[in-house]
Structure formats: structure tokens, C-alpha cells
């Protein structure tokens, strides 16, 4: 389920990016948007997208850690400590 959510988000972002780029190119071709403005706009969208992706990944990590804690699952660190204790 989580994997599906991630893939859905990635797919939605890709489709949105394509649509925005197509619309910007259309406005540029119609002379309603300067080439430099179009490039600047697309770069700002890309930067914002990367920032949002980083935020999403961080939120996902936090959520997964909370779920692992709630379920009482062993982490890598827990297993490593157990191995050291058994030596």
C-alpha cells in the first residue's frame, strides 16, 4: 500500500510537470511569455519540486520510524546491539 502511494505521487508529479512544461511552451510560442521568463519559471518549478520531494522523503522517514516504534519492531541498531551483547 505504501509503495502504491509513493508510485502514485511520483506519477502525479511527472504528469503535472509535463503539463506545465507544455503550457509554458504554448504560451512562449504564442508570444505571451518571453523565452527567458519561461526558462526562469520552469527552473523555479523544478527547484520547488526538488524541495517538496525532500520534504516528502523526510516526512515519510519520520512516519515510518513512528510506525516501527509503535509496532515494536527491531531496528538495525537494535540488532547490532544484540549481536554485540551476544559476543
C-alpha atoms as a PDB file:
ATOM      1  CA  UNK A   1       0.000   0.000   0.000  1.00  0.00           C
ATOM      2  CA  UNK A   2       2.790   2.416   0.901  1.00  0.00           C
ATOM      3  CA  UNK A   3       4.626   1.548  -2.298  1.00  0.00           C
ATOM      4  CA  UNK A   4       1.464   2.306  -4.293  1.00  0.00           C
ATOM      5  CA  UNK A   5       1.149   5.677  -2.571  1.00  0.00           C
ATOM      6  CA  UNK A   6       4.733   6.568  -3.417  1.00  0.00           C
ATOM      7  CA  UNK A   7       4.361   5.484  -7.051  1.00  0.00           C
ATOM      8  CA  UNK A   8       1.098   7.419  -7.343  1.00  0.00           C
ATOM      9  CA  UNK A   9       2.766  10.557  -6.040  1.00  0.00           C
ATOM     10  CA  UNK A  10       5.713  10.161  -8.417  1.00  0.00           C
ATOM     11  CA  UNK A  11       3.369   9.576 -11.343  1.00  0.00           C
ATOM     12  CA  UNK A  12       1.232  12.582 -10.491  1.00  0.00           C
ATOM     13  CA  UNK A  13       4.282  14.820 -10.234  1.00  0.00           C
ATOM     14  CA  UNK A  14       5.589  13.601 -13.595  1.00  0.00           C
ATOM     15  CA  UNK A  15       2.253  14.241 -15.313  1.00  0.00           C
ATOM     16  CA  UNK A  16       1.944  17.672 -13.726  1.00  0.00           C
ATOM     17  CA  UNK A  17       5.470  18.589 -14.804  1.00  0.00           C
ATOM     18  CA  UNK A  18       4.753  17.560 -18.398  1.00  0.00           C
ATOM     19  CA  UNK A  19       1.517  19.549 -18.495  1.00  0.00           C
ATOM     20  CA  UNK A  20       3.132  22.670 -17.032  1.00  0.00           C
ATOM     21  CA  UNK A  21       6.042  22.460 -19.469  1.00  0.00           C
ATOM     22  CA  UNK A  22       3.651  22.027 -22.400  1.00  0.00           C
ATOM     23  CA  UNK A  23       1.560  25.010 -21.304  1.00  0.00           C
ATOM     24  CA  UNK A  24       4.635  27.190 -20.840  1.00  0.00           C
ATOM     25  CA  UNK A  25       5.908  26.235 -24.308  1.00  0.00           C
ATOM     26  CA  UNK A  26       2.475  27.037 -25.740  1.00  0.00           C
ATOM     27  CA  UNK A  27       2.480  30.490 -24.098  1.00  0.00           C
ATOM     28  CA  UNK A  28       6.013  31.033 -25.337  1.00  0.00           C
ATOM     29  CA  UNK A  29       5.041  30.084 -28.909  1.00  0.00           C
ATOM     30  CA  UNK A  30       2.056  32.432 -28.780  1.00  0.00           C
ATOM     31  CA  UNK A  31       4.347  35.251 -27.692  1.00  0.00           C
ATOM     32  CA  UNK A  32       2.601  35.625 -24.353  1.00  0.00           C
ATOM     33  CA  UNK A  33       5.720  34.633 -22.436  1.00  0.00           C
ATOM     34  CA  UNK A  34       9.353  35.505 -23.126  1.00  0.00           C
ATOM     35  CA  UNK A  35      11.838  32.656 -23.537  1.00  0.00           C
ATOM     36  CA  UNK A  36      13.907  33.887 -20.603  1.00  0.00           C
ATOM     37  CA  UNK A  37      10.799  34.120 -18.428  1.00  0.00           C
ATOM     38  CA  UNK A  38       9.744  30.625 -19.481  1.00  0.00           C
ATOM     39  CA  UNK A  39      13.149  29.176 -18.581  1.00  0.00           C
ATOM     40  CA  UNK A  40      13.181  31.016 -15.275  1.00  0.00           C
ATOM     41  CA  UNK A  41       9.674  29.809 -14.456  1.00  0.00           C
ATOM     42  CA  UNK A  42      10.490  26.187 -15.301  1.00  0.00           C
ATOM     43  CA  UNK A  43      13.690  26.348 -13.246  1.00  0.00           C
ATOM     44  CA  UNK A  44      11.807  27.739 -10.255  1.00  0.00           C
ATOM     45  CA  UNK A  45       9.205  24.981 -10.552  1.00  0.00           C
ATOM     46  CA  UNK A  46      11.953  22.358 -10.735  1.00  0.00           C
ATOM     47  CA  UNK A  47      13.657  23.799  -7.660  1.00  0.00           C
ATOM     48  CA  UNK A  48      10.375  23.881  -5.752  1.00  0.00           C
ATOM     49  CA  UNK A  49       9.675  20.310  -6.839  1.00  0.00           C
ATOM     50  CA  UNK A  50      13.027  19.128  -5.516  1.00  0.00           C
ATOM     51  CA  UNK A  51      12.397  20.907  -2.221  1.00  0.00           C
ATOM     52  CA  UNK A  52       8.961  19.308  -1.919  1.00  0.00           C
ATOM     53  CA  UNK A  53      10.427  15.895  -2.736  1.00  0.00           C
ATOM     54  CA  UNK A  54      12.989  16.309   0.046  1.00  0.00           C
ATOM     55  CA  UNK A  55      10.235  17.333   2.487  1.00  0.00           C
ATOM     56  CA  UNK A  56       8.114  14.349   1.442  1.00  0.00           C
ATOM     57  CA  UNK A  57      11.013  11.940   1.932  1.00  0.00           C
ATOM     58  CA  UNK A  58      11.722  13.372   5.375  1.00  0.00           C
ATOM     59  CA  UNK A  59       8.048  13.132   6.365  1.00  0.00           C
ATOM     60  CA  UNK A  60       7.942   9.562   5.077  1.00  0.00           C
ATOM     61  CA  UNK A  61      11.030   8.637   7.101  1.00  0.00           C
ATOM     62  CA  UNK A  62       9.535  10.174  10.225  1.00  0.00           C
ATOM     63  CA  UNK A  63       6.236   8.384   9.703  1.00  0.00           C
ATOM     64  CA  UNK A  64       7.931   5.041   9.087  1.00  0.00           C
ATOM     65  CA  UNK A  65      10.052   5.443  12.227  1.00  0.00           C
ATOM     66  CA  UNK A  66       6.898   6.177  14.232  1.00  0.00           C
ATOM     67  CA  UNK A  67       5.180   3.081  12.820  1.00  0.00           C
ATOM     68  CA  UNK A  68       8.219   0.929  13.582  1.00  0.00           C
ATOM     69  CA  UNK A  69       8.274   2.264  17.144  1.00  0.00           C
ATOM     70  CA  UNK A  70       4.537   1.675  17.601  1.00  0.00           C
ATOM     71  CA  UNK A  71       4.820  -1.887  16.308  1.00  0.00           C
ATOM     72  CA  UNK A  72       7.852  -2.568  18.452  1.00  0.00           C
ATOM     73  CA  UNK A  73       9.927  -3.776  15.502  1.00  0.00           C
ATOM     74  CA  UNK A  74      13.671  -4.171  15.850  1.00  0.00           C
ATOM     75  CA  UNK A  75      15.817  -1.650  14.012  1.00  0.00           C
ATOM     76  CA  UNK A  76      19.269  -2.199  12.518  1.00  0.00           C
ATOM     77  CA  UNK A  77      20.730  -0.539  15.573  1.00  0.00           C
ATOM     78  CA  UNK A  78      18.772  -2.871  17.868  1.00  0.00           C
ATOM     79  CA  UNK A  79      20.029  -5.928  16.011  1.00  0.00           C
ATOM     80  CA  UNK A  80      23.613  -4.657  16.004  1.00  0.00           C
ATOM     81  CA  UNK A  81      23.482  -4.032  19.760  1.00  0.00           C
ATOM     82  CA  UNK A  82      22.054  -7.523  20.298  1.00  0.00           C
ATOM     83  CA  UNK A  83      24.886  -9.049  18.243  1.00  0.00           C
ATOM     84  CA  UNK A  84      27.457  -7.165  20.316  1.00  0.00           C
ATOM     85  CA  UNK A  85      25.776  -8.213  23.552  1.00  0.00           C
ATOM     86  CA  UNK A  86      25.851 -11.859  22.473  1.00  0.00           C
ATOM     87  CA  UNK A  87      29.599 -11.797  21.819  1.00  0.00           C
END
